[in-house]
Every structure is written in structure tokens, then in C-alpha cells.
Amino acid sequence: MCPHTPTCPEAAAPDREAARTIICHPEQGWSLLCNGIVIFEDTGELLPGGHAIGPHRPTDLPLPSHAAIHADTPDTPAA
């Protein structure tokens, strides 16, 4: 049972990833949430019953096209 107030979402809830982290091992790429879910650095999940959810969010996003166009433009205005 979750000791937090308000209680963390259950493992079957759509917002299950919002549960608090109780154990974190960034050097190994995983964390344990209060609801029993193990979340991985690549955004995959292992649910308490053993069901696995593959990576489902992008972790490396490209620059927006306007940022790439202006990447070589100085930030300071010309005098």
C-alpha cells in the first residue's frame, strides 16, 4: 500500500508513471516506483505481474527546423 498523500497511481492506471520513485539506479538505467513498476532509461517498463511495456517515448529529439537554420547566427544583435 502506498504511504504517500495523495496516494500514487496504481500499476494498472493510465498515469502509472506518475508514482514516486522509491529506488533509483541511474548507473544501471532503472528505477522502482512506489506502485511496483520498474521503469527503464529507454522508457520501457516492467509491471508488477511481469508484463513488459516496450520503450514508448522518444528519448532523442531532433532540433526544430527553425533552430537548425539559425544555429550559426550569433545571439547578440549587430551594432
PDB file of N, CA and C in Angstrom:
ATOM      1  N   MET A   1       0.832  -1.181   0.000  1.00  0.00           N
ATOM      2  CA  MET A   1       0.000   0.000   0.000  1.00  0.00           C
ATOM      3  C   MET A   1       0.876   1.243   0.000  1.00  0.00           C
ATOM      4  N   CYS A   2       0.488   2.230  -0.769  1.00  0.00           N
ATOM      5  CA  CYS A   2       1.250   3.465  -0.924  1.00  0.00           C
ATOM      6  C   CYS A   2       1.116   4.345   0.317  1.00  0.00           C
ATOM      7  N   PRO A   3       2.247   4.767   0.911  1.00  0.00           N
ATOM      8  CA  PRO A   3       2.193   5.617   2.098  1.00  0.00           C
ATOM      9  C   PRO A   3       2.099   7.109   1.777  1.00  0.00           C
ATOM     10  N   HIS A   4       2.113   7.469   0.501  1.00  0.00           N
ATOM     11  CA  HIS A   4       2.136   8.881   0.123  1.00  0.00           C
ATOM     12  C   HIS A   4       0.744   9.514   0.138  1.00  0.00           C
ATOM     13  N   THR A   5       0.717  10.828   0.354  1.00  0.00           N
ATOM     14  CA  THR A   5      -0.533  11.587   0.290  1.00  0.00           C
ATOM     15  C   THR A   5      -0.337  12.696  -0.715  1.00  0.00           C
ATOM     16  N   PRO A   6      -1.119  12.747  -1.776  1.00  0.00           N
ATOM     17  CA  PRO A   6      -2.108  11.758  -2.190  1.00  0.00           C
ATOM     18  C   PRO A   6      -1.417  10.467  -2.634  1.00  0.00           C
ATOM     19  N   THR A   7      -2.180   9.398  -2.648  1.00  0.00           N
ATOM     20  CA  THR A   7      -1.592   8.102  -2.998  1.00  0.00           C
ATOM     21  C   THR A   7      -1.150   8.078  -4.457  1.00  0.00           C
ATOM     22  N   CYS A   8      -0.152   7.292  -4.717  1.00  0.00           N
ATOM     23  CA  CYS A   8       0.368   7.150  -6.068  1.00  0.00           C
ATOM     24  C   CYS A   8      -0.605   6.340  -6.928  1.00  0.00           C
ATOM     25  N   PRO A   9      -0.593   6.588  -8.253  1.00  0.00           N
ATOM     26  CA  PRO A   9      -1.454   5.798  -9.136  1.00  0.00           C
ATOM     27  C   PRO A   9      -1.064   4.325  -9.096  1.00  0.00           C
ATOM     28  N   GLU A  10      -2.038   3.466  -9.220  1.00  0.00           N
ATOM     29  CA  GLU A  10      -1.767   2.025  -9.251  1.00  0.00           C
ATOM     30  C   GLU A  10      -1.105   1.633 -10.564  1.00  0.00           C
ATOM     31  N   ALA A  11      -0.508   0.462 -10.590  1.00  0.00           N
ATOM     32  CA  ALA A  11       0.230  -0.009 -11.759  1.00  0.00           C
ATOM     33  C   ALA A  11      -0.653  -0.131 -12.997  1.00  0.00           C
ATOM     34  N   ALA A  12      -1.950  -0.364 -12.830  1.00  0.00           N
ATOM     35  CA  ALA A  12      -2.859  -0.510 -13.963  1.00  0.00           C
ATOM     36  C   ALA A  12      -3.440   0.828 -14.426  1.00  0.00           C
ATOM     37  N   ALA A  13      -3.193   1.894 -13.703  1.00  0.00           N
ATOM     38  CA  ALA A  13      -3.756   3.203 -14.039  1.00  0.00           C
ATOM     39  C   ALA A  13      -3.052   3.807 -15.257  1.00  0.00           C
ATOM     40  N   PRO A  14      -3.772   4.605 -16.032  1.00  0.00           N
ATOM     41  CA  PRO A  14      -3.148   5.228 -17.208  1.00  0.00           C
ATOM     42  C   PRO A  14      -1.989   6.165 -16.849  1.00  0.00           C
ATOM     43  N   ASP A  15      -2.035   6.755 -15.669  1.00  0.00           N
ATOM     44  CA  ASP A  15      -0.970   7.666 -15.243  1.00  0.00           C
ATOM     45  C   ASP A  15       0.023   6.990 -14.298  1.00  0.00           C
ATOM     46  N   ARG A  16       0.217   5.679 -14.466  1.00  0.00           N
ATOM     47  CA  ARG A  16       1.051   4.879 -13.567  1.00  0.00           C
ATOM     48  C   ARG A  16       2.469   5.404 -13.416  1.00  0.00           C
ATOM     49  N   GLU A  17       3.003   6.078 -14.429  1.00  0.00           N
ATOM     50  CA  GLU A  17       4.369   6.580 -14.374  1.00  0.00           C
ATOM     51  C   GLU A  17       4.515   7.787 -13.449  1.00  0.00           C
ATOM     52  N   ALA A  18       3.394   8.317 -12.956  1.00  0.00           N
ATOM     53  CA  ALA A  18       3.430   9.469 -12.052  1.00  0.00           C
ATOM     54  C   ALA A  18       3.696   9.051 -10.606  1.00  0.00           C
ATOM     55  N   ALA A  19       3.791   7.759 -10.335  1.00  0.00           N
ATOM     56  CA  ALA A  19       4.094   7.290  -8.979  1.00  0.00           C
ATOM     57  C   ALA A  19       5.489   7.747  -8.581  1.00  0.00           C
ATOM     58  N   ARG A  20       5.705   7.898  -7.298  1.00  0.00           N
ATOM     59  CA  ARG A  20       7.002   8.361  -6.799  1.00  0.00           C
ATOM     60  C   ARG A  20       8.078   7.288  -6.934  1.00  0.00           C
ATOM     61  N   THR A  21       9.276   7.725  -7.187  1.00  0.00           N
ATOM     62  CA  THR A  21      10.428   6.832  -7.256  1.00  0.00           C
ATOM     63  C   THR A  21      10.864   6.487  -5.842  1.00  0.00           C
ATOM     64  N   ILE A  22      11.009   5.190  -5.559  1.00  0.00           N
ATOM     65  CA  ILE A  22      11.465   4.789  -4.227  1.00  0.00           C
ATOM     66  C   ILE A  22      12.884   4.226  -4.250  1.00  0.00           C
ATOM     67  N   ILE A  23      13.309   3.707  -5.395  1.00  0.00           N
ATOM     68  CA  ILE A  23      14.687   3.231  -5.565  1.00  0.00           C
ATOM     69  C   ILE A  23      15.142   3.686  -6.949  1.00  0.00           C
ATOM     70  N   CYS A  24      16.317   4.266  -7.012  1.00  0.00           N
ATOM     71  CA  CYS A  24      16.828   4.780  -8.282  1.00  0.00           C
ATOM     72  C   CYS A  24      18.253   4.276  -8.495  1.00  0.00           C
ATOM     73  N   HIS A  25      18.501   3.668  -9.641  1.00  0.00           N
ATOM     74  CA  HIS A  25      19.834   3.199 -10.010  1.00  0.00           C
ATOM     75  C   HIS A  25      20.178   3.729 -11.406  1.00  0.00           C
ATOM     76  N   PRO A  26      20.476   5.036 -11.507  1.00  0.00           N
ATOM     77  CA  PRO A  26      20.762   5.596 -12.833  1.00  0.00           C
ATOM     78  C   PRO A  26      21.984   4.969 -13.502  1.00  0.00           C
ATOM     79  N   GLU A  27      22.933   4.495 -12.709  1.00  0.00           N
ATOM     80  CA  GLU A  27      24.116   3.858 -13.295  1.00  0.00           C
ATOM     81  C   GLU A  27      23.755   2.544 -13.978  1.00  0.00           C
ATOM     82  N   GLN A  28      22.625   1.944 -13.594  1.00  0.00           N
ATOM     83  CA  GLN A  28      22.150   0.713 -14.213  1.00  0.00           C
ATOM     84  C   GLN A  28      20.984   0.961 -15.163  1.00  0.00           C
ATOM     85  N   GLY A  29      20.452   2.200 -15.156  1.00  0.00           N
ATOM     86  CA  GLY A  29      19.399   2.567 -16.098  1.00  0.00           C
ATOM     87  C   GLY A  29      17.994   2.192 -15.694  1.00  0.00           C
ATOM     88  N   TRP A  30      17.715   2.050 -14.395  1.00  0.00           N
ATOM     89  CA  TRP A  30      16.356   1.698 -13.972  1.00  0.00           C
ATOM     90  C   TRP A  30      16.016   2.334 -12.640  1.00  0.00           C
ATOM     91  N   SER A  31      14.689   2.445 -12.401  1.00  0.00           N
ATOM     92  CA  SER A  31      14.164   2.951 -11.130  1.00  0.00           C
ATOM     93  C   SER A  31      12.916   2.158 -10.765  1.00  0.00           C
ATOM     94  N   LEU A  32      12.676   2.020  -9.466  1.00  0.00           N
ATOM     95  CA  LEU A  32      11.482   1.348  -8.964  1.00  0.00           C
ATOM     96  C   LEU A  32      10.520   2.401  -8.449  1.00  0.00           C
ATOM     97  N   LEU A  33       9.290   2.342  -8.922  1.00  0.00           N
ATOM     98  CA  LEU A  33       8.260   3.273  -8.473  1.00  0.00           C
ATOM     99  C   LEU A  33       7.483   2.674  -7.310  1.00  0.00           C
ATOM    100  N   CYS A  34       6.799   3.528  -6.571  1.00  0.00           N
ATOM    101  CA  CYS A  34       6.033   3.125  -5.400  1.00  0.00           C
ATOM    102  C   CYS A  34       4.972   2.066  -5.727  1.00  0.00           C
ATOM    103  N   ASN A  35       4.445   2.087  -6.941  1.00  0.00           N
ATOM    104  CA  ASN A  35       3.401   1.142  -7.332  1.00  0.00           C
ATOM    105  C   ASN A  35       3.950  -0.185  -7.854  1.00  0.00           C
ATOM    106  N   GLY A  36       5.267  -0.408  -7.711  1.00  0.00           N
ATOM    107  CA  GLY A  36       5.863  -1.684  -8.097  1.00  0.00           C
ATOM    108  C   GLY A  36       6.362  -1.749  -9.522  1.00  0.00           C
ATOM    109  N   ILE A  37       6.253  -0.686 -10.285  1.00  0.00           N
ATOM    110  CA  ILE A  37       6.724  -0.673 -11.665  1.00  0.00           C
ATOM    111  C   ILE A  37       8.213  -0.357 -11.691  1.00  0.00           C
ATOM    112  N   VAL A  38       8.942  -1.102 -12.523  1.00  0.00           N
ATOM    113  CA  VAL A  38      10.333  -0.788 -12.798  1.00  0.00           C
ATOM    114  C   VAL A  38      10.332  -0.037 -14.123  1.00  0.00           C
ATOM    115  N   ILE A  39      10.848   1.197 -14.099  1.00  0.00           N
ATOM    116  CA  ILE A  39      10.953   1.961 -15.337  1.00  0.00           C
ATOM    117  C   ILE A  39      12.420   2.003 -15.744  1.00  0.00           C
ATOM    118  N   PHE A  40      12.632   1.933 -17.048  1.00  0.00           N
ATOM    119  CA  PHE A  40      13.983   1.891 -17.585  1.00  0.00           C
ATOM    120  C   PHE A  40      14.328   3.191 -18.301  1.00  0.00           C
ATOM    121  N   GLU A  41      15.612   3.444 -18.393  1.00  0.00           N
ATOM    122  CA  GLU A  41      16.134   4.649 -19.023  1.00  0.00           C
ATOM    123  C   GLU A  41      15.600   4.841 -20.443  1.00  0.00           C
ATOM    124  N   ASP A  42      15.360   3.763 -21.158  1.00  0.00           N
ATOM    125  CA  ASP A  42      14.879   3.862 -22.536  1.00  0.00           C
ATOM    126  C   ASP A  42      13.360   4.034 -22.613  1.00  0.00           C
ATOM    127  N   THR A  43      12.697   4.247 -21.469  1.00  0.00           N
ATOM    128  CA  THR A  43      11.253   4.462 -21.298  1.00  0.00           C
ATOM    129  C   THR A  43      10.430   3.175 -21.338  1.00  0.00           C
ATOM    130  N   GLY A  44      11.082   2.020 -21.321  1.00  0.00           N
ATOM    131  CA  GLY A  44      10.360   0.766 -21.183  1.00  0.00           C
ATOM    132  C   GLY A  44       9.947   0.569 -19.728  1.00  0.00           C
ATOM    133  N   GLU A  45       9.036  -0.361 -19.496  1.00  0.00           N
ATOM    134  CA  GLU A  45       8.536  -0.609 -18.146  1.00  0.00           C
ATOM    135  C   GLU A  45       8.363  -2.104 -17.919  1.00  0.00           C
ATOM    136  N   LEU A  46       8.521  -2.508 -16.671  1.00  0.00           N
ATOM    137  CA  LEU A  46       8.208  -3.864 -16.246  1.00  0.00           C
ATOM    138  C   LEU A  46       7.165  -3.726 -15.148  1.00  0.00           C
ATOM    139  N   LEU A  47       5.954  -4.239 -15.419  1.00  0.00           N
ATOM    140  CA  LEU A  47       4.851  -4.128 -14.472  1.00  0.00           C
ATOM    141  C   LEU A  47       4.953  -5.212 -13.402  1.00  0.00           C
ATOM    142  N   PRO A  48       4.305  -5.019 -12.250  1.00  0.00           N
ATOM    143  CA  PRO A  48       4.410  -5.980 -11.148  1.00  0.00           C
ATOM    144  C   PRO A  48       4.064  -7.425 -11.517  1.00  0.00           C
ATOM    145  N   GLY A  49       3.128  -7.650 -12.410  1.00  0.00           N
ATOM    146  CA  GLY A  49       2.743  -9.006 -12.798  1.00  0.00           C
ATOM    147  C   GLY A  49       3.695  -9.651 -13.788  1.00  0.00           C
ATOM    148  N   GLY A  50       4.745  -8.932 -14.217  1.00  0.00           N
ATOM    149  CA  GLY A  50       5.708  -9.483 -15.153  1.00  0.00           C
ATOM    150  C   GLY A  50       5.505  -9.029 -16.588  1.00  0.00           C
ATOM    151  N   HIS A  51       4.411  -8.309 -16.873  1.00  0.00           N
ATOM    152  CA  HIS A  51       4.156  -7.806 -18.225  1.00  0.00           C
ATOM    153  C   HIS A  51       5.149  -6.695 -18.544  1.00  0.00           C
ATOM    154  N   ALA A  52       5.724  -6.743 -19.728  1.00  0.00           N
ATOM    155  CA  ALA A  52       6.692  -5.727 -20.146  1.00  0.00           C
ATOM    156  C   ALA A  52       6.053  -4.774 -21.148  1.00  0.00           C
ATOM    157  N   ILE A  53       6.389  -3.510 -21.030  1.00  0.00           N
ATOM    158  CA  ILE A  53       5.958  -2.492 -21.986  1.00  0.00           C
ATOM    159  C   ILE A  53       7.230  -1.940 -22.614  1.00  0.00           C
ATOM    160  N   GLY A  54       7.295  -2.013 -23.929  1.00  0.00           N
ATOM    161  CA  GLY A  54       8.482  -1.542 -24.637  1.00  0.00           C
ATOM    162  C   GLY A  54       8.628  -0.034 -24.573  1.00  0.00           C
ATOM    163  N   PRO A  55       9.796   0.472 -24.948  1.00  0.00           N
ATOM    164  CA  PRO A  55      10.006   1.914 -24.977  1.00  0.00           C
ATOM    165  C   PRO A  55       8.897   2.593 -25.769  1.00  0.00           C
ATOM    166  N   HIS A  56       8.359   3.674 -25.219  1.00  0.00           N
ATOM    167  CA  HIS A  56       7.194   4.280 -25.854  1.00  0.00           C
ATOM    168  C   HIS A  56       7.246   5.797 -25.927  1.00  0.00           C
ATOM    169  N   ARG A  57       8.371   6.380 -25.612  1.00  0.00           N
ATOM    170  CA  ARG A  57       8.529   7.828 -25.778  1.00  0.00           C
ATOM    171  C   ARG A  57       9.868   8.078 -26.441  1.00  0.00           C
ATOM    172  N   PRO A  58       9.933   9.082 -27.314  1.00  0.00           N
ATOM    173  CA  PRO A  58      11.230   9.387 -27.910  1.00  0.00           C
ATOM    174  C   PRO A  58      12.184   9.924 -26.847  1.00  0.00           C
ATOM    175  N   THR A  59      13.421   9.491 -26.880  1.00  0.00           N
ATOM    176  CA  THR A  59      14.405   9.967 -25.913  1.00  0.00           C
ATOM    177  C   THR A  59      15.384  10.952 -26.534  1.00  0.00           C
ATOM    178  N   ASP A  60      15.524  10.925 -27.839  1.00  0.00           N
ATOM    179  CA  ASP A  60      16.397  11.860 -28.546  1.00  0.00           C
ATOM    180  C   ASP A  60      15.560  12.586 -29.585  1.00  0.00           C
ATOM    181  N   LEU A  61      15.329  13.869 -29.361  1.00  0.00           N
ATOM    182  CA  LEU A  61      14.519  14.647 -30.282  1.00  0.00           C
ATOM    183  C   LEU A  61      15.418  15.539 -31.135  1.00  0.00           C
ATOM    184  N   PRO A  62      15.141  15.599 -32.435  1.00  0.00           N
ATOM    185  CA  PRO A  62      15.943  16.480 -33.291  1.00  0.00           C
ATOM    186  C   PRO A  62      15.615  17.942 -32.984  1.00  0.00           C
ATOM    187  N   LEU A  63      16.531  18.818 -33.351  1.00  0.00           N
ATOM    188  CA  LEU A  63      16.275  20.239 -33.199  1.00  0.00           C
ATOM    189  C   LEU A  63      15.125  20.657 -34.101  1.00  0.00           C
ATOM    190  N   PRO A  64      14.300  21.593 -33.674  1.00  0.00           N
ATOM    191  CA  PRO A  64      13.270  22.119 -34.581  1.00  0.00           C
ATOM    192  C   PRO A  64      13.949  22.743 -35.796  1.00  0.00           C
ATOM    193  N   SER A  65      13.287  22.737 -36.930  1.00  0.00           N
ATOM    194  CA  SER A  65      13.911  23.212 -38.168  1.00  0.00           C
ATOM    195  C   SER A  65      14.346  24.667 -38.069  1.00  0.00           C
ATOM    196  N   HIS A  66      13.597  25.518 -37.358  1.00  0.00           N
ATOM    197  CA  HIS A  66      13.996  26.918 -37.252  1.00  0.00           C
ATOM    198  C   HIS A  66      15.266  27.075 -36.415  1.00  0.00           C
ATOM    199  N   ALA A  67      15.501  26.192 -35.453  1.00  0.00           N
ATOM    200  CA  ALA A  67      16.720  26.262 -34.651  1.00  0.00           C
ATOM    201  C   ALA A  67      17.924  25.864 -35.491  1.00  0.00           C
ATOM    202  N   ALA A  68      17.763  24.903 -36.368  1.00  0.00           N
ATOM    203  CA  ALA A  68      18.866  24.474 -37.216  1.00  0.00           C
ATOM    204  C   ALA A  68      19.235  25.571 -38.212  1.00  0.00           C
ATOM    205  N   ILE A  69      18.257  26.296 -38.708  1.00  0.00           N
ATOM    206  CA  ILE A  69      18.505  27.370 -39.666  1.00  0.00           C
ATOM    207  C   ILE A  69      19.298  28.494 -39.008  1.00  0.00           C
ATOM    208  N   HIS A  70      18.964  28.802 -37.743  1.00  0.00           N
ATOM    209  CA  HIS A  70      19.590  29.922 -37.054  1.00  0.00           C
ATOM    210  C   HIS A  70      20.712  29.492 -36.111  1.00  0.00           C
ATOM    211  N   ALA A  71      21.183  28.297 -36.241  1.00  0.00           N
ATOM    212  CA  ALA A  71      22.206  27.784 -35.317  1.00  0.00           C
ATOM    213  C   ALA A  71      23.518  28.556 -35.436  1.00  0.00           C
ATOM    214  N   ASP A  72      23.841  29.072 -36.636  1.00  0.00           N
ATOM    215  CA  ASP A  72      25.107  29.785 -36.800  1.00  0.00           C
ATOM    216  C   ASP A  72      24.934  31.303 -36.652  1.00  0.00           C
ATOM    217  N   THR A  73      23.757  31.750 -36.277  1.00  0.00           N
ATOM    218  CA  THR A  73      23.515  33.181 -36.067  1.00  0.00           C
ATOM    219  C   THR A  73      23.869  33.544 -34.649  1.00  0.00           C
ATOM    220  N   PRO A  74      24.676  34.610 -34.441  1.00  0.00           N
ATOM    221  CA  PRO A  74      25.025  34.998 -33.071  1.00  0.00           C
ATOM    222  C   PRO A  74      23.797  35.453 -32.297  1.00  0.00           C
ATOM    223  N   ASP A  75      23.836  35.246 -30.980  1.00  0.00           N
ATOM    224  CA  ASP A  75      22.724  35.627 -30.113  1.00  0.00           C
ATOM    225  C   ASP A  75      22.671  37.130 -29.869  1.00  0.00           C
ATOM    226  N   THR A  76      23.788  37.800 -30.020  1.00  0.00           N
ATOM    227  CA  THR A  76      23.804  39.240 -29.750  1.00  0.00           C
ATOM    228  C   THR A  76      23.478  40.008 -31.009  1.00  0.00           C
ATOM    229  N   PRO A  77      22.685  41.080 -30.896  1.00  0.00           N
ATOM    230  CA  PRO A  77      22.323  41.857 -32.090  1.00  0.00           C
ATOM    231  C   PRO A  77      23.527  42.623 -32.628  1.00  0.00           C
ATOM    232  N   ALA A  78      23.522  42.823 -33.918  1.00  0.00           N
ATOM    233  CA  ALA A  78      24.607  43.556 -34.544  1.00  0.00           C
ATOM    234  C   ALA A  78      24.507  45.034 -34.187  1.00  0.00           C
ATOM    235  N   ALA A  79      25.651  45.701 -34.017  1.00  0.00           N
ATOM    236  CA  ALA A  79      25.653  47.125 -33.627  1.00  0.00           C
ATOM    237  C   ALA A  79      25.543  48.021 -34.833  1.00  0.00           C
TER     238      ALA A  79
END
